[in-house]
PDB file of N, CA and C in Angstrom:
ATOM      1  N   MET A   1      73.743  -1.771 -24.778  1.00  0.00           N
ATOM      2  CA  MET A   1      74.188  -2.790 -26.015  1.00  0.00           C
ATOM      3  C   MET A   1      74.596  -4.026 -24.657  1.00  0.00           C
ATOM      4  N   ALA A   2      73.929  -5.193 -25.040  1.00  0.00           N
ATOM      5  CA  ALA A   2      74.821  -6.312 -24.667  1.00  0.00           C
ATOM      6  C   ALA A   2      75.213  -7.278 -25.378  1.00  0.00           C
ATOM      7  N   ARG A   3      75.998  -7.995 -25.051  1.00  0.00           N
ATOM      8  CA  ARG A   3      76.294  -9.467 -25.798  1.00  0.00           C
ATOM      9  C   ARG A   3      76.683 -10.453 -24.721  1.00  0.00           C
ATOM     10  N   VAL A   4      75.830 -11.536 -25.335  1.00  0.00           N
ATOM     11  CA  VAL A   4      75.579 -12.637 -24.346  1.00  0.00           C
ATOM     12  C   VAL A   4      76.379 -14.042 -24.771  1.00  0.00           C
ATOM     13  N   SER A   5      77.293 -14.612 -24.287  1.00  0.00           N
ATOM     14  CA  SER A   5      77.729 -15.449 -24.567  1.00  0.00           C
ATOM     15  C   SER A   5      77.581 -16.981 -23.826  1.00  0.00           C
ATOM     16  N   GLY A   6      77.511 -17.960 -24.585  1.00  0.00           N
ATOM     17  CA  GLY A   6      77.385 -19.091 -23.928  1.00  0.00           C
ATOM     18  C   GLY A   6      76.628 -20.200 -24.893  1.00  0.00           C
ATOM     19  N   ILE A   7      75.522 -20.844 -24.195  1.00  0.00           N
ATOM     20  CA  ILE A   7      74.702 -21.612 -25.114  1.00  0.00           C
ATOM     21  C   ILE A   7      73.382 -20.739 -25.333  1.00  0.00           C
ATOM     22  N   VAL A   8      73.528 -19.688 -26.162  1.00  0.00           N
ATOM     23  CA  VAL A   8      72.147 -19.027 -26.092  1.00  0.00           C
ATOM     24  C   VAL A   8      71.680 -19.282 -27.598  1.00  0.00           C
ATOM     25  N   GLN A   9      72.529 -19.928 -28.731  1.00  0.00           N
ATOM     26  CA  GLN A   9      71.151 -20.029 -29.728  1.00  0.00           C
ATOM     27  C   GLN A   9      71.229 -21.293 -30.225  1.00  0.00           C
ATOM     28  N   GLY A  10      69.951 -21.403 -30.529  1.00  0.00           N
ATOM     29  CA  GLY A  10      69.125 -22.744 -30.480  1.00  0.00           C
ATOM     30  C   GLY A  10      68.431 -23.076 -29.704  1.00  0.00           C
ATOM     31  N   VAL A  11      68.317 -22.312 -28.624  1.00  0.00           N
ATOM     32  CA  VAL A  11      67.514 -22.606 -27.271  1.00  0.00           C
ATOM     33  C   VAL A  11      66.275 -21.727 -27.006  1.00  0.00           C
ATOM     34  N   GLY A  12      66.056 -20.743 -28.302  1.00  0.00           N
ATOM     35  CA  GLY A  12      64.389 -19.654 -27.872  1.00  0.00           C
ATOM     36  C   GLY A  12      65.180 -18.532 -26.967  1.00  0.00           C
ATOM     37  N   PHE A  13      66.453 -18.120 -26.932  1.00  0.00           N
ATOM     38  CA  PHE A  13      66.689 -17.061 -26.367  1.00  0.00           C
ATOM     39  C   PHE A  13      66.531 -15.815 -26.990  1.00  0.00           C
ATOM     40  N   ARG A  14      66.350 -15.722 -27.983  1.00  0.00           N
ATOM     41  CA  ARG A  14      66.076 -14.573 -28.830  1.00  0.00           C
ATOM     42  C   ARG A  14      64.564 -14.258 -28.731  1.00  0.00           C
ATOM     43  N   TYR A  15      63.418 -15.069 -28.665  1.00  0.00           N
ATOM     44  CA  TYR A  15      62.270 -14.632 -28.089  1.00  0.00           C
ATOM     45  C   TYR A  15      61.964 -14.520 -26.947  1.00  0.00           C
ATOM     46  N   PHE A  16      62.947 -14.832 -26.242  1.00  0.00           N
ATOM     47  CA  PHE A  16      63.017 -14.783 -24.542  1.00  0.00           C
ATOM     48  C   PHE A  16      63.291 -13.541 -24.452  1.00  0.00           C
ATOM     49  N   VAL A  17      64.349 -12.984 -25.443  1.00  0.00           N
ATOM     50  CA  VAL A  17      64.372 -11.803 -24.856  1.00  0.00           C
ATOM     51  C   VAL A  17      63.542 -10.600 -25.200  1.00  0.00           C
ATOM     52  N   ILE A  18      62.916 -11.106 -26.614  1.00  0.00           N
ATOM     53  CA  ILE A  18      61.833 -10.182 -27.299  1.00  0.00           C
ATOM     54  C   ILE A  18      60.472 -10.062 -26.251  1.00  0.00           C
ATOM     55  N   ARG A  19      60.105 -11.177 -25.796  1.00  0.00           N
ATOM     56  CA  ARG A  19      59.229 -11.290 -24.899  1.00  0.00           C
ATOM     57  C   ARG A  19      59.051 -10.097 -23.620  1.00  0.00           C
ATOM     58  N   LYS A  20      60.436 -10.620 -22.831  1.00  0.00           N
ATOM     59  CA  LYS A  20      61.068  -9.587 -21.700  1.00  0.00           C
ATOM     60  C   LYS A  20      61.169  -7.880 -22.000  1.00  0.00           C
ATOM     61  N   ALA A  21      61.470  -7.976 -23.213  1.00  0.00           N
ATOM     62  CA  ALA A  21      61.791  -6.315 -23.730  1.00  0.00           C
ATOM     63  C   ALA A  21      60.343  -5.607 -23.904  1.00  0.00           C
ATOM     64  N   THR A  22      59.831  -6.555 -24.915  1.00  0.00           N
ATOM     65  CA  THR A  22      58.423  -6.175 -25.090  1.00  0.00           C
ATOM     66  C   THR A  22      57.428  -5.634 -23.286  1.00  0.00           C
ATOM     67  N   ALA A  23      57.630  -6.777 -22.918  1.00  0.00           N
ATOM     68  CA  ALA A  23      56.910  -6.640 -21.584  1.00  0.00           C
ATOM     69  C   ALA A  23      57.444  -5.399 -20.643  1.00  0.00           C
ATOM     70  N   TYR A  24      58.855  -5.089 -20.815  1.00  0.00           N
ATOM     71  CA  TYR A  24      59.052  -4.013 -20.043  1.00  0.00           C
ATOM     72  C   TYR A  24      59.187  -2.462 -20.832  1.00  0.00           C
ATOM     73  N   GLY A  25      58.466  -2.712 -21.742  1.00  0.00           N
ATOM     74  CA  GLY A  25      58.417  -1.618 -22.798  1.00  0.00           C
ATOM     75  C   GLY A  25      59.426  -0.898 -23.217  1.00  0.00           C
ATOM     76  N   LEU A  26      60.423  -1.883 -23.687  1.00  0.00           N
ATOM     77  CA  LEU A  26      61.534  -1.474 -24.145  1.00  0.00           C
ATOM     78  C   LEU A  26      61.463  -1.481 -25.482  1.00  0.00           C
ATOM     79  N   ARG A  27      62.657  -0.664 -26.372  1.00  0.00           N
ATOM     80  CA  ARG A  27      62.403  -0.436 -27.844  1.00  0.00           C
ATOM     81  C   ARG A  27      63.735  -1.294 -28.323  1.00  0.00           C
ATOM     82  N   GLY A  28      64.118  -1.542 -29.169  1.00  0.00           N
ATOM     83  CA  GLY A  28      65.573  -2.318 -29.796  1.00  0.00           C
ATOM     84  C   GLY A  28      65.633  -3.352 -30.639  1.00  0.00           C
ATOM     85  N   TYR A  29      66.602  -4.147 -30.349  1.00  0.00           N
ATOM     86  CA  TYR A  29      66.675  -5.219 -31.167  1.00  0.00           C
ATOM     87  C   TYR A  29      67.191  -6.515 -30.692  1.00  0.00           C
ATOM     88  N   VAL A  30      67.265  -7.713 -30.976  1.00  0.00           N
ATOM     89  CA  VAL A  30      67.990  -8.871 -30.766  1.00  0.00           C
ATOM     90  C   VAL A  30      68.526 -10.023 -31.983  1.00  0.00           C
ATOM     91  N   ARG A  31      69.684 -10.139 -31.843  1.00  0.00           N
ATOM     92  CA  ARG A  31      70.159 -11.015 -33.358  1.00  0.00           C
ATOM     93  C   ARG A  31      71.218 -12.035 -33.085  1.00  0.00           C
ATOM     94  N   ASN A  32      71.127 -13.009 -33.563  1.00  0.00           N
ATOM     95  CA  ASN A  32      72.455 -13.895 -33.138  1.00  0.00           C
ATOM     96  C   ASN A  32      73.788 -13.216 -34.039  1.00  0.00           C
ATOM     97  N   CYS A  33      74.627 -13.917 -33.422  1.00  0.00           N
ATOM     98  CA  CYS A  33      75.939 -13.114 -33.964  1.00  0.00           C
ATOM     99  C   CYS A  33      76.782 -14.739 -34.792  1.00  0.00           C
ATOM    100  N   PHE A  34      77.855 -14.208 -35.449  1.00  0.00           N
ATOM    101  CA  PHE A  34      78.416 -15.301 -36.196  1.00  0.00           C
ATOM    102  C   PHE A  34      78.855 -16.318 -35.179  1.00  0.00           C
ATOM    103  N   ASP A  35      79.815 -15.728 -34.089  1.00  0.00           N
ATOM    104  CA  ASP A  35      80.481 -16.791 -33.184  1.00  0.00           C
ATOM    105  C   ASP A  35      79.833 -17.182 -32.055  1.00  0.00           C
ATOM    106  N   GLY A  36      78.279 -17.234 -32.425  1.00  0.00           N
ATOM    107  CA  GLY A  36      77.786 -17.888 -31.438  1.00  0.00           C
ATOM    108  C   GLY A  36      76.858 -16.992 -30.124  1.00  0.00           C
ATOM    109  N   ASP A  37      77.389 -15.955 -30.447  1.00  0.00           N
ATOM    110  CA  ASP A  37      76.746 -15.245 -29.386  1.00  0.00           C
ATOM    111  C   ASP A  37      75.423 -14.609 -29.595  1.00  0.00           C
ATOM    112  N   VAL A  38      74.940 -13.637 -28.609  1.00  0.00           N
ATOM    113  CA  VAL A  38      73.327 -13.039 -28.893  1.00  0.00           C
ATOM    114  C   VAL A  38      73.627 -11.631 -28.889  1.00  0.00           C
ATOM    115  N   GLU A  39      73.430 -10.727 -29.812  1.00  0.00           N
ATOM    116  CA  GLU A  39      73.572  -9.146 -29.367  1.00  0.00           C
ATOM    117  C   GLU A  39      72.413  -8.536 -29.023  1.00  0.00           C
ATOM    118  N   VAL A  40      72.359  -7.696 -28.148  1.00  0.00           N
ATOM    119  CA  VAL A  40      70.899  -6.997 -27.594  1.00  0.00           C
ATOM    120  C   VAL A  40      71.234  -5.805 -27.682  1.00  0.00           C
ATOM    121  N   GLU A  41      70.429  -4.578 -28.305  1.00  0.00           N
ATOM    122  CA  GLU A  41      70.648  -3.366 -28.171  1.00  0.00           C
ATOM    123  C   GLU A  41      69.179  -2.909 -27.713  1.00  0.00           C
ATOM    124  N   ALA A  42      68.988  -2.023 -26.482  1.00  0.00           N
ATOM    125  CA  ALA A  42      67.615  -1.603 -26.109  1.00  0.00           C
ATOM    126  C   ALA A  42      68.039  -0.606 -25.398  1.00  0.00           C
ATOM    127  N   GLU A  43      66.784   0.411 -26.007  1.00  0.00           N
ATOM    128  CA  GLU A  43      66.280   1.692 -25.039  1.00  0.00           C
ATOM    129  C   GLU A  43      65.040   1.778 -24.324  1.00  0.00           C
ATOM    130  N   GLY A  44      65.422   2.511 -23.152  1.00  0.00           N
ATOM    131  CA  GLY A  44      64.052   3.077 -22.736  1.00  0.00           C
ATOM    132  C   GLY A  44      64.293   3.669 -21.256  1.00  0.00           C
ATOM    133  N   ASP A  45      63.332   2.762 -20.372  1.00  0.00           N
ATOM    134  CA  ASP A  45      63.513   3.315 -19.132  1.00  0.00           C
ATOM    135  C   ASP A  45      64.704   2.560 -18.494  1.00  0.00           C
ATOM    136  N   LYS A  46      65.356   3.290 -17.594  1.00  0.00           N
ATOM    137  CA  LYS A  46      66.880   2.775 -16.954  1.00  0.00           C
ATOM    138  C   LYS A  46      66.625   1.588 -16.037  1.00  0.00           C
ATOM    139  N   LEU A  47      65.462   1.640 -15.290  1.00  0.00           N
ATOM    140  CA  LEU A  47      65.217   0.146 -14.509  1.00  0.00           C
ATOM    141  C   LEU A  47      64.873  -0.568 -15.434  1.00  0.00           C
ATOM    142  N   MET A  48      64.455  -0.751 -16.031  1.00  0.00           N
ATOM    143  CA  MET A  48      63.700  -1.684 -16.994  1.00  0.00           C
ATOM    144  C   MET A  48      65.061  -2.314 -17.816  1.00  0.00           C
ATOM    145  N   LEU A  49      65.432  -1.285 -18.226  1.00  0.00           N
ATOM    146  CA  LEU A  49      66.713  -1.931 -18.860  1.00  0.00           C
ATOM    147  C   LEU A  49      67.663  -2.616 -17.711  1.00  0.00           C
ATOM    148  N   GLU A  50      67.989  -2.522 -16.869  1.00  0.00           N
ATOM    149  CA  GLU A  50      68.407  -3.161 -15.564  1.00  0.00           C
ATOM    150  C   GLU A  50      67.992  -4.549 -15.485  1.00  0.00           C
ATOM    151  N   GLN A  51      66.527  -4.394 -15.640  1.00  0.00           N
ATOM    152  CA  GLN A  51      66.001  -5.505 -15.710  1.00  0.00           C
ATOM    153  C   GLN A  51      66.299  -6.990 -16.336  1.00  0.00           C
ATOM    154  N   LEU A  52      66.243  -5.973 -17.859  1.00  0.00           N
ATOM    155  CA  LEU A  52      66.625  -6.639 -18.823  1.00  0.00           C
ATOM    156  C   LEU A  52      67.747  -7.513 -19.047  1.00  0.00           C
ATOM    157  N   ILE A  53      69.087  -6.511 -18.396  1.00  0.00           N
ATOM    158  CA  ILE A  53      70.202  -7.179 -18.316  1.00  0.00           C
ATOM    159  C   ILE A  53      70.238  -8.277 -17.408  1.00  0.00           C
ATOM    160  N   GLU A  54      69.652  -8.122 -16.271  1.00  0.00           N
ATOM    161  CA  GLU A  54      69.314  -9.361 -15.204  1.00  0.00           C
ATOM    162  C   GLU A  54      68.512 -10.504 -15.928  1.00  0.00           C
ATOM    163  N   ASP A  55      67.814 -10.434 -16.371  1.00  0.00           N
ATOM    164  CA  ASP A  55      67.311 -11.791 -17.592  1.00  0.00           C
ATOM    165  C   ASP A  55      67.570 -12.105 -18.162  1.00  0.00           C
ATOM    166  N   LEU A  56      68.999 -11.488 -18.916  1.00  0.00           N
ATOM    167  CA  LEU A  56      69.775 -11.909 -19.720  1.00  0.00           C
ATOM    168  C   LEU A  56      70.829 -13.031 -19.072  1.00  0.00           C
ATOM    169  N   GLY A  57      71.036 -12.474 -18.078  1.00  0.00           N
ATOM    170  CA  GLY A  57      72.017 -13.627 -17.378  1.00  0.00           C
ATOM    171  C   GLY A  57      71.437 -15.087 -17.367  1.00  0.00           C
ATOM    172  N   ARG A  58      70.557 -15.077 -16.659  1.00  0.00           N
ATOM    173  CA  ARG A  58      69.313 -16.107 -16.558  1.00  0.00           C
ATOM    174  C   ARG A  58      68.968 -16.644 -17.825  1.00  0.00           C
ATOM    175  N   GLY A  59      68.655 -16.041 -18.758  1.00  0.00           N
ATOM    176  CA  GLY A  59      68.031 -16.795 -20.158  1.00  0.00           C
ATOM    177  C   GLY A  59      66.711 -17.801 -20.105  1.00  0.00           C
ATOM    178  N   PRO A  60      66.329 -18.214 -21.320  1.00  0.00           N
ATOM    179  CA  PRO A  60      65.402 -19.125 -21.033  1.00  0.00           C
ATOM    180  C   PRO A  60      66.037 -20.439 -20.320  1.00  0.00           C
ATOM    181  N   ILE A  61      65.086 -21.513 -20.015  1.00  0.00           N
ATOM    182  CA  ILE A  61      65.500 -22.632 -19.504  1.00  0.00           C
ATOM    183  C   ILE A  61      66.735 -23.650 -20.031  1.00  0.00           C
ATOM    184  N   CYS A  62      66.567 -23.726 -21.176  1.00  0.00           N
ATOM    185  CA  CYS A  62      67.337 -24.569 -22.100  1.00  0.00           C
ATOM    186  C   CYS A  62      68.985 -23.608 -22.235  1.00  0.00           C
ATOM    187  N   ALA A  63      68.948 -22.218 -21.972  1.00  0.00           N
ATOM    188  CA  ALA A  63      70.167 -21.623 -22.720  1.00  0.00           C
ATOM    189  C   ALA A  63      71.073 -21.908 -21.303  1.00  0.00           C
ATOM    190  N   LYS A  64      72.434 -21.818 -21.306  1.00  0.00           N
ATOM    191  CA  LYS A  64      73.484 -21.699 -20.564  1.00  0.00           C
ATOM    192  C   LYS A  64      74.451 -20.435 -20.968  1.00  0.00           C
ATOM    193  N   VAL A  65      74.010 -19.404 -19.545  1.00  0.00           N
ATOM    194  CA  VAL A  65      74.565 -17.847 -20.238  1.00  0.00           C
ATOM    195  C   VAL A  65      75.875 -18.274 -19.232  1.00  0.00           C
ATOM    196  N   LYS A  66      76.752 -17.979 -20.351  1.00  0.00           N
ATOM    197  CA  LYS A  66      78.332 -18.019 -19.861  1.00  0.00           C
ATOM    198  C   LYS A  66      78.601 -16.384 -19.129  1.00  0.00           C
ATOM    199  N   ASN A  67      77.904 -15.456 -19.982  1.00  0.00           N
ATOM    200  CA  ASN A  67      78.442 -13.903 -19.803  1.00  0.00           C
ATOM    201  C   ASN A  67      77.776 -12.879 -20.534  1.00  0.00           C
ATOM    202  N   VAL A  68      77.712 -11.719 -19.538  1.00  0.00           N
ATOM    203  CA  VAL A  68      76.879 -10.873 -20.473  1.00  0.00           C
ATOM    204  C   VAL A  68      77.802  -9.791 -20.218  1.00  0.00           C
ATOM    205  N   GLU A  69      77.982  -9.236 -21.504  1.00  0.00           N
ATOM    206  CA  GLU A  69      78.919  -7.719 -21.467  1.00  0.00           C
ATOM    207  C   GLU A  69      78.011  -6.492 -21.600  1.00  0.00           C
ATOM    208  N   THR A  70      77.861  -5.608 -20.966  1.00  0.00           N
ATOM    209  CA  THR A  70      77.207  -4.514 -21.341  1.00  0.00           C
ATOM    210  C   THR A  70      78.177  -3.262 -21.815  1.00  0.00           C
ATOM    211  N   GLU A  71      77.420  -2.422 -22.689  1.00  0.00           N
ATOM    212  CA  GLU A  71      77.802  -0.858 -22.872  1.00  0.00           C
ATOM    213  C   GLU A  71      76.645  -0.018 -23.131  1.00  0.00           C
ATOM    214  N   TRP A  72      76.694   0.875 -21.737  1.00  0.00           N
ATOM    215  CA  TRP A  72      75.951   1.762 -21.925  1.00  0.00           C
ATOM    216  C   TRP A  72      76.165   2.937 -22.697  1.00  0.00           C
ATOM    217  N   PHE A  73      75.032   3.420 -23.241  1.00  0.00           N
ATOM    218  CA  PHE A  73      75.005   4.943 -24.206  1.00  0.00           C
ATOM    219  C   PHE A  73      74.447   5.970 -24.076  1.00  0.00           C
ATOM    220  N   ASP A  74      74.474   7.024 -24.139  1.00  0.00           N
ATOM    221  CA  ASP A  74      73.962   8.278 -23.448  1.00  0.00           C
ATOM    222  C   ASP A  74      72.674   8.479 -24.630  1.00  0.00           C
ATOM    223  N   ASP A  75      73.209   8.527 -25.942  1.00  0.00           N
ATOM    224  CA  ASP A  75      72.283   8.920 -26.894  1.00  0.00           C
ATOM    225  C   ASP A  75      71.271   7.895 -27.247  1.00  0.00           C
ATOM    226  N   GLU A  76      69.755   8.182 -27.477  1.00  0.00           N
ATOM    227  CA  GLU A  76      69.039   7.167 -28.182  1.00  0.00           C
ATOM    228  C   GLU A  76      69.146   7.127 -29.521  1.00  0.00           C
ATOM    229  N   LYS A  77      68.760   6.007 -30.408  1.00  0.00           N
ATOM    230  CA  LYS A  77      68.651   5.569 -31.681  1.00  0.00           C
ATOM    231  C   LYS A  77      67.547   5.853 -32.714  1.00  0.00           C
ATOM    232  N   GLY A  78      66.309   6.034 -31.150  1.00  0.00           N
ATOM    233  CA  GLY A  78      64.909   6.439 -31.703  1.00  0.00           C
ATOM    234  C   GLY A  78      64.281   4.896 -31.906  1.00  0.00           C
ATOM    235  N   TYR A  79      64.521   3.814 -31.872  1.00  0.00           N
ATOM    236  CA  TYR A  79      64.061   2.671 -31.616  1.00  0.00           C
ATOM    237  C   TYR A  79      62.245   2.723 -31.900  1.00  0.00           C
ATOM    238  N   ARG A  80      61.228   2.258 -32.327  1.00  0.00           N
ATOM    239  CA  ARG A  80      59.757   2.584 -32.202  1.00  0.00           C
ATOM    240  C   ARG A  80      59.172   1.255 -31.718  1.00  0.00           C
ATOM    241  N   THR A  81      60.090  -0.145 -31.699  1.00  0.00           N
ATOM    242  CA  THR A  81      59.498  -1.516 -31.347  1.00  0.00           C
ATOM    243  C   THR A  81      60.619  -1.993 -30.810  1.00  0.00           C
ATOM    244  N   PHE A  82      60.400  -3.485 -30.286  1.00  0.00           N
ATOM    245  CA  PHE A  82      61.571  -4.305 -30.519  1.00  0.00           C
ATOM    246  C   PHE A  82      61.339  -5.295 -30.893  1.00  0.00           C
ATOM    247  N   THR A  83      62.686  -5.639 -32.019  1.00  0.00           N
ATOM    248  CA  THR A  83      62.536  -6.410 -33.342  1.00  0.00           C
ATOM    249  C   THR A  83      63.240  -7.716 -33.030  1.00  0.00           C
ATOM    250  N   LEU A  84      63.060  -8.658 -33.808  1.00  0.00           N
ATOM    251  CA  LEU A  84      64.408  -9.984 -34.433  1.00  0.00           C
ATOM    252  C   LEU A  84      65.049  -9.420 -35.461  1.00  0.00           C
ATOM    253  N   GLU A  85      66.397  -9.300 -35.423  1.00  0.00           N
ATOM    254  CA  GLU A  85      67.177  -8.964 -36.513  1.00  0.00           C
ATOM    255  C   GLU A  85      67.717 -10.105 -36.958  1.00  0.00           C
ATOM    256  N   THR A  86      67.887 -10.406 -38.363  1.00  0.00           N
ATOM    257  CA  THR A  86      68.642 -11.591 -38.799  1.00  0.00           C
ATOM    258  C   THR A  86      69.968 -11.329 -39.419  1.00  0.00           C
TER     259      THR A  86
END
């Protein structure tokens, strides 16, 4: 799981994450948090997860990422696709 802070809402960040995660064959979700952060939970190939985390640190052109906190889990939840949660 990753939590991204900075200017990450209202700049297309969630759709950027969906495009990247889908391209990497990852499954999970992305959603806005009430405090202005964006939360990402993804599962799949470890190298692709690491690439996604790197992408989260950059974000789309209009975003200004301040921090990416990550937490790794051993067990998978069995997501089938990568979705936008509201």
